[in-house]
């Protein structure tokens, strides 16, 4: 029997398993290509919203070296953009201005033709309306309401509105239609021209010129032994608010605390600082 030769041949089929050649396909470094793609993406355009892109970092790892150790590639890029950020502006809320400002959200615009009108012609134009205000007594008062502008006719609310403008007195309007150049404002501790508070302190010269009502009286005198009222020598006694309606009666008044000095007032209104004290007397001849 030749058994030994057969036994010596048994290891031969194991030989094809030993070579390391099949491992070779794992060795190419082609998987590193994603790193290049990451680099291209990282170097691309920045954010599209007009701001500079933030720096980006990418890291990739591949096992493609012959040593069997992983390779690491890191890239950093900063995106840029040529976009220009948009600009914006803000305006103050309507209705939030201080005295002296010249703009307001409620300003009434001028229409064709209306701005050329004066007070009288504005009233005659049915397509226009006059804006008239009462001045505050911060400066010399005018004799009455002041014409401020002629604007296209429009609906106005009924709210009393105080308006101001640089270089101009403050006015009170009977409504919320504000003329061009003025703005809503507030005025403290100042009466309106023509009001009782403003008129009571006015002099004889200022009273009528300020839209107030002057009160004069004929002094009681004695002529030929008889008391009479000298209406040819009337004396300024005081100033009342403008537009006051005095009753058509004659009052005899005296300064408070001075009952021996009497005046007959034909207007029928009691002047400030006086009291009714006696009966009227006939006028002097």
Protein backbone atom coordinates (compact mmCIF):
# COMPACT_ATOMS: atom_id res chain seq x y z
CA UNK A 1 0.00 0.00 0.00
CA UNK A 2 1.13 3.54 -0.84
CA UNK A 3 -0.62 5.42 1.85
CA UNK A 4 2.19 7.80 2.78
CA UNK A 5 2.31 9.48 -0.60
CA UNK A 6 -1.36 10.26 -0.32
CA UNK A 7 -0.91 11.73 3.13
CA UNK A 8 1.87 13.91 1.84
CA UNK A 9 -0.47 15.38 -0.71
CA UNK A 10 -3.22 16.42 1.72
CA UNK A 11 -1.95 19.98 2.46
CA UNK A 12 -1.93 21.00 -1.15
CA UNK A 13 -5.60 22.11 -1.44
CA UNK A 14 -5.07 24.65 1.35
CA UNK A 15 -2.56 26.66 -0.67
CA UNK A 16 -5.01 28.98 -2.56
CA UNK A 17 -6.19 30.53 0.74
CA UNK A 18 -2.77 31.90 1.74
CA UNK A 19 -2.06 34.69 -0.80
CA UNK A 20 -2.86 38.29 0.25
CA UNK A 21 -3.47 39.45 -3.28
CA UNK A 22 -7.29 39.69 -2.89
CA UNK A 23 -6.77 42.41 -0.28
CA UNK A 24 -5.36 44.74 -2.96
CA UNK A 25 -8.72 46.21 -4.10
CA UNK A 26 -9.09 47.83 -0.68
CA UNK A 27 -5.92 49.87 -1.11
CA UNK A 28 -6.93 52.63 -3.65
CA UNK A 29 -7.38 56.10 -2.17
CA UNK A 30 -10.35 56.89 -4.39
CA UNK A 31 -12.71 57.30 -1.34
CA UNK A 32 -10.79 60.52 -0.58
CA UNK A 33 -12.79 62.16 -3.39
CA UNK A 34 -15.62 63.23 -1.03
CA UNK A 35 -13.09 65.49 0.64
CA UNK A 36 -12.68 67.39 -2.63
CA UNK A 37 -16.42 67.73 -2.91
CA UNK A 38 -16.56 69.13 0.61
CA UNK A 39 -13.83 71.60 -0.32
CA UNK A 40 -15.80 72.73 -3.36
CA UNK A 41 -18.96 73.17 -1.31
CA UNK A 42 -17.11 75.04 1.42
CA UNK A 43 -15.63 77.46 -1.11
CA UNK A 44 -18.96 78.18 -2.77
CA UNK A 45 -20.95 81.43 -2.48
CA UNK A 46 -21.88 82.77 0.93
CA UNK A 47 -25.41 83.19 2.20
CA UNK A 48 -27.83 84.74 -0.27
CA UNK A 49 -29.38 87.14 2.19
CA UNK A 50 -26.83 89.91 1.64
CA UNK A 51 -24.67 89.17 4.72
CA UNK A 52 -21.23 87.69 4.90
CA UNK A 53 -21.19 83.90 5.26
CA UNK A 54 -19.75 82.40 8.42
CA UNK A 55 -16.64 80.25 8.29
CA UNK A 56 -17.37 76.56 7.64
CA UNK A 57 -15.19 73.60 8.54
CA UNK A 58 -15.47 70.10 7.12
CA UNK A 59 -13.72 66.95 8.21
CA UNK A 60 -13.67 63.61 6.44
CA UNK A 61 -12.02 60.36 7.29
CA UNK A 62 -11.22 57.52 4.94
CA UNK A 63 -9.37 54.28 5.33
CA UNK A 64 -7.53 54.05 2.10
CA UNK A 65 -3.80 54.01 2.85
CA UNK A 66 -1.64 51.04 2.59
CA UNK A 67 -0.85 51.20 6.27
CA UNK A 68 -4.43 50.53 7.22
CA UNK A 69 -4.68 53.79 9.25
CA UNK A 70 -7.47 56.26 8.47
CA UNK A 71 -6.62 59.50 6.79
CA UNK A 72 -8.21 62.76 7.95
CA UNK A 73 -8.65 65.87 5.82
CA UNK A 74 -9.87 69.19 7.25
CA UNK A 75 -10.78 72.25 5.21
CA UNK A 76 -11.99 75.69 6.33
CA UNK A 77 -13.49 78.34 4.11
CA UNK A 78 -15.24 81.64 4.66
CA UNK A 79 -18.17 82.51 2.45
CA UNK A 80 -18.44 86.05 1.11
CA UNK A 81 -21.20 87.98 -0.56
CA UNK A 82 -21.30 91.10 -2.64
CA UNK A 83 -24.92 91.88 -1.63
CA UNK A 84 -25.59 95.21 0.08
CA UNK A 85 -27.80 95.08 3.18
CA UNK A 86 -31.07 96.98 2.67
CA UNK A 87 -31.54 100.26 4.46
CA UNK A 88 -34.65 101.36 6.31
CA UNK A 89 -35.98 104.48 7.86
CA UNK A 90 -38.43 105.09 10.64
CA UNK A 91 -40.82 107.92 11.28
CA UNK A 92 -42.31 109.03 14.46
CA UNK A 93 -45.81 107.77 15.12
CA UNK A 94 -48.54 110.04 14.01
CA UNK A 95 -49.72 112.26 16.65
CA UNK A 96 -46.40 112.03 18.84
CA UNK A 97 -44.74 115.63 17.99
CA UNK A 98 -43.58 118.48 20.42
CA UNK A 99 -44.20 122.24 20.13
CA UNK A 100 -42.23 123.76 17.29
CA UNK A 101 -42.12 120.73 15.00
CA UNK A 102 -43.26 121.24 11.44
CA UNK A 103 -44.49 117.81 10.37
CA UNK A 104 -47.48 115.72 11.32
CA UNK A 105 -49.21 112.64 9.99
CA UNK A 106 -52.49 114.58 10.07
CA UNK A 107 -51.31 117.47 7.92
CA UNK A 108 -53.88 118.50 5.31
CA UNK A 109 -52.37 118.68 1.84
CA UNK A 110 -52.87 121.62 -0.46
CA UNK A 111 -55.05 121.22 -3.52
CA UNK A 112 -54.85 123.00 -6.84
CA UNK A 113 -56.13 126.53 -6.45
CA UNK A 114 -57.09 126.44 -2.77
CA UNK A 115 -53.68 127.55 -1.50
CA UNK A 116 -53.95 130.79 -3.45
CA UNK A 117 -57.13 131.90 -1.68
CA UNK A 118 -57.33 134.42 1.10
CA UNK A 119 -59.86 134.20 3.90
CA UNK A 120 -62.75 135.79 1.98
CA UNK A 121 -62.25 134.03 -1.36
CA UNK A 122 -61.67 130.69 0.37
CA UNK A 123 -65.11 130.87 1.94
CA UNK A 124 -66.60 131.59 -1.49
CA UNK A 125 -65.02 128.53 -3.13
CA UNK A 126 -67.20 125.44 -2.53
CA UNK A 127 -64.26 123.12 -3.17
CA UNK A 128 -62.11 124.72 -0.46
CA UNK A 129 -62.38 125.39 3.24
CA UNK A 130 -60.67 127.89 5.52
CA UNK A 131 -58.73 126.77 8.58
CA UNK A 132 -59.05 129.33 11.39
CA UNK A 133 -57.48 129.13 14.83
CA UNK A 134 -57.62 131.02 18.11
CA UNK A 135 -54.19 132.14 19.27
CA UNK A 136 -52.81 131.39 22.72
CA UNK A 137 -51.86 134.44 24.76
CA UNK A 138 -48.14 133.66 24.60
CA UNK A 139 -47.64 136.72 22.41
CA UNK A 140 -49.62 139.84 21.67
CA UNK A 141 -53.14 138.72 20.91
CA UNK A 142 -54.86 139.54 17.60
CA UNK A 143 -58.37 141.03 17.60
CA UNK A 144 -59.98 137.69 16.84
CA UNK A 145 -59.53 134.24 15.29
CA UNK A 146 -56.69 133.98 12.76
CA UNK A 147 -56.97 132.66 9.19
CA UNK A 148 -54.23 130.03 8.81
CA UNK A 149 -54.74 128.32 5.45
CA UNK A 150 -57.14 127.46 2.67
CA UNK A 151 -57.25 123.74 1.87
CA UNK A 152 -59.43 121.36 -0.15
CA UNK A 153 -62.77 120.73 1.52
CA UNK A 154 -62.74 117.54 3.59
CA UNK A 155 -64.39 115.99 6.63
CA UNK A 156 -62.89 116.94 9.99
CA UNK A 157 -63.51 115.55 13.45
CA UNK A 158 -64.84 117.76 16.24
CA UNK A 159 -61.91 117.41 18.63
CA UNK A 160 -60.30 120.66 19.80
CA UNK A 161 -56.69 120.56 18.58
CA UNK A 162 -53.69 122.68 19.58
CA UNK A 163 -51.11 123.24 16.85
CA UNK A 164 -47.62 124.76 16.76
CA UNK A 165 -45.01 125.75 14.19
CA UNK A 166 -41.49 127.20 14.46
CA UNK A 167 -41.59 130.98 14.47
CA UNK A 168 -45.37 131.10 14.88
CA UNK A 169 -47.71 131.42 17.88
CA UNK A 170 -49.64 128.39 19.05
CA UNK A 171 -53.29 128.10 18.03
CA UNK A 172 -56.34 126.10 19.03
CA UNK A 173 -58.42 124.66 16.19
CA UNK A 174 -62.10 123.72 16.50
CA UNK A 175 -61.38 120.38 14.80
CA UNK A 176 -58.61 117.99 13.79
CA UNK A 177 -57.85 119.38 10.32
CA UNK A 178 -54.26 120.62 10.71
CA UNK A 179 -52.97 123.14 8.14
CA UNK A 180 -49.70 122.50 6.29
CA UNK A 181 -46.55 123.32 8.23
CA UNK A 182 -48.18 122.90 11.64
CA UNK A 183 -48.15 119.95 14.01
CA UNK A 184 -50.26 118.92 16.97
CA UNK A 185 -48.72 120.03 20.27
CA UNK A 186 -49.67 120.98 23.82
CA UNK A 187 -49.54 124.33 25.59
CA UNK A 188 -49.53 124.66 29.37
CA UNK A 189 -50.38 127.60 31.62
CA UNK A 190 -51.40 129.92 28.78
CA UNK A 191 -54.96 131.13 28.19
CA UNK A 192 -56.51 131.61 24.80
CA UNK A 193 -56.68 135.11 23.41
CA UNK A 194 -60.15 136.52 23.98
CA UNK A 195 -60.80 134.34 27.03
CA UNK A 196 -61.84 135.83 30.37
CA UNK A 197 -58.49 134.90 31.91
CA UNK A 198 -56.50 136.60 29.16
CA UNK A 199 -58.76 139.66 28.92
CA UNK A 200 -59.06 140.56 32.59
CA UNK A 201 -55.40 141.56 32.74
CA UNK A 202 -55.44 143.51 29.45
CA UNK A 203 -54.93 147.23 29.42
CA UNK A 204 -57.32 149.65 27.73
CA UNK A 205 -55.08 149.70 24.65
CA UNK A 206 -54.76 145.91 24.51
CA UNK A 207 -58.39 145.06 25.29
CA UNK A 208 -60.10 145.77 21.97
CA UNK A 209 -56.97 144.93 19.96
CA UNK A 210 -56.85 141.48 21.61
CA UNK A 211 -60.37 140.42 20.76
CA UNK A 212 -61.71 141.28 24.21
CA UNK A 213 -64.66 143.44 25.25
CA UNK A 214 -63.78 146.76 26.86
CA UNK A 215 -66.20 148.10 29.49
CA UNK A 216 -66.42 151.83 30.05
CA UNK A 217 -68.60 153.86 32.41
CA UNK A 218 -69.89 157.44 32.67
CA UNK A 219 -68.80 158.93 35.99
CA UNK A 220 -71.39 160.43 38.31
CA UNK A 221 -70.84 164.16 38.66
CA UNK A 222 -72.82 167.00 40.20
CA UNK A 223 -73.88 169.85 37.97
CA UNK A 224 -76.16 172.66 39.13
CA UNK A 225 -76.70 170.79 42.37
CA UNK A 226 -77.87 167.61 40.68
CA UNK A 227 -76.09 164.26 40.10
CA UNK A 228 -75.75 163.15 36.51
CA UNK A 229 -73.74 160.71 34.42
CA UNK A 230 -71.21 162.33 32.10
CA UNK A 231 -71.28 160.08 29.04
CA UNK A 232 -68.99 162.49 27.21
CA UNK A 233 -66.18 161.64 29.63
CA UNK A 234 -66.46 157.87 29.93
CA UNK A 235 -63.70 156.00 31.78
CA UNK A 236 -62.25 152.56 30.96
CA UNK A 237 -63.30 150.27 33.81
CA UNK A 238 -62.17 146.83 32.73
CA UNK A 239 -61.92 144.20 30.05
CA UNK A 240 -64.12 141.14 29.56
CA UNK A 241 -63.82 138.13 27.30
CA UNK A 242 -64.44 138.58 23.62
CA UNK A 243 -67.87 138.05 22.15
CA UNK A 244 -69.68 138.38 25.45
CA UNK A 245 -73.35 139.37 25.13
CA UNK A 246 -74.12 142.18 27.58
CA UNK A 247 -77.81 142.85 28.37
CA UNK A 248 -79.26 146.17 27.10
CA UNK A 249 -79.58 147.76 30.53
CA UNK A 250 -77.71 150.49 32.36
CA UNK A 251 -75.88 149.47 35.52
CA UNK A 252 -74.49 151.76 38.20
CA UNK A 253 -71.24 150.30 39.48
CA UNK A 254 -68.60 151.26 42.01
CA UNK A 255 -65.06 150.00 42.49
CA UNK A 256 -65.04 147.38 45.22
CA UNK A 257 -64.69 149.18 48.56
CA UNK A 258 -65.26 152.66 47.06
CA UNK A 259 -69.00 153.35 47.26
CA UNK A 260 -68.57 157.11 46.87
CA UNK A 261 -67.35 156.70 43.28
CA UNK A 262 -70.01 155.58 40.87
CA UNK A 263 -70.30 155.00 37.13
CA UNK A 264 -73.17 154.26 34.83
CA UNK A 265 -72.38 151.41 32.44
CA UNK A 266 -74.62 151.36 29.42
CA UNK A 267 -73.39 147.95 28.21
CA UNK A 268 -75.10 146.17 31.09
CA UNK A 269 -72.00 144.06 31.99
CA UNK A 270 -70.23 144.30 35.35
CA UNK A 271 -66.55 145.08 34.81
CA UNK A 272 -63.93 143.16 36.79
CA UNK A 273 -63.10 144.62 40.19
CA UNK A 274 -66.46 146.46 40.44
CA UNK A 275 -69.80 145.89 42.13
CA UNK A 276 -73.31 147.16 41.57
CA UNK A 277 -73.83 149.95 44.06
CA UNK A 278 -76.57 152.48 43.25
CA UNK A 279 -79.29 153.48 40.86
CA UNK A 280 -78.57 155.08 37.49
CA UNK A 281 -78.75 158.84 37.27
CA UNK A 282 -79.78 161.01 34.33
CA UNK A 283 -77.19 161.85 31.77
CA UNK A 284 -75.59 165.24 32.03
CA UNK A 285 -76.94 167.83 29.55
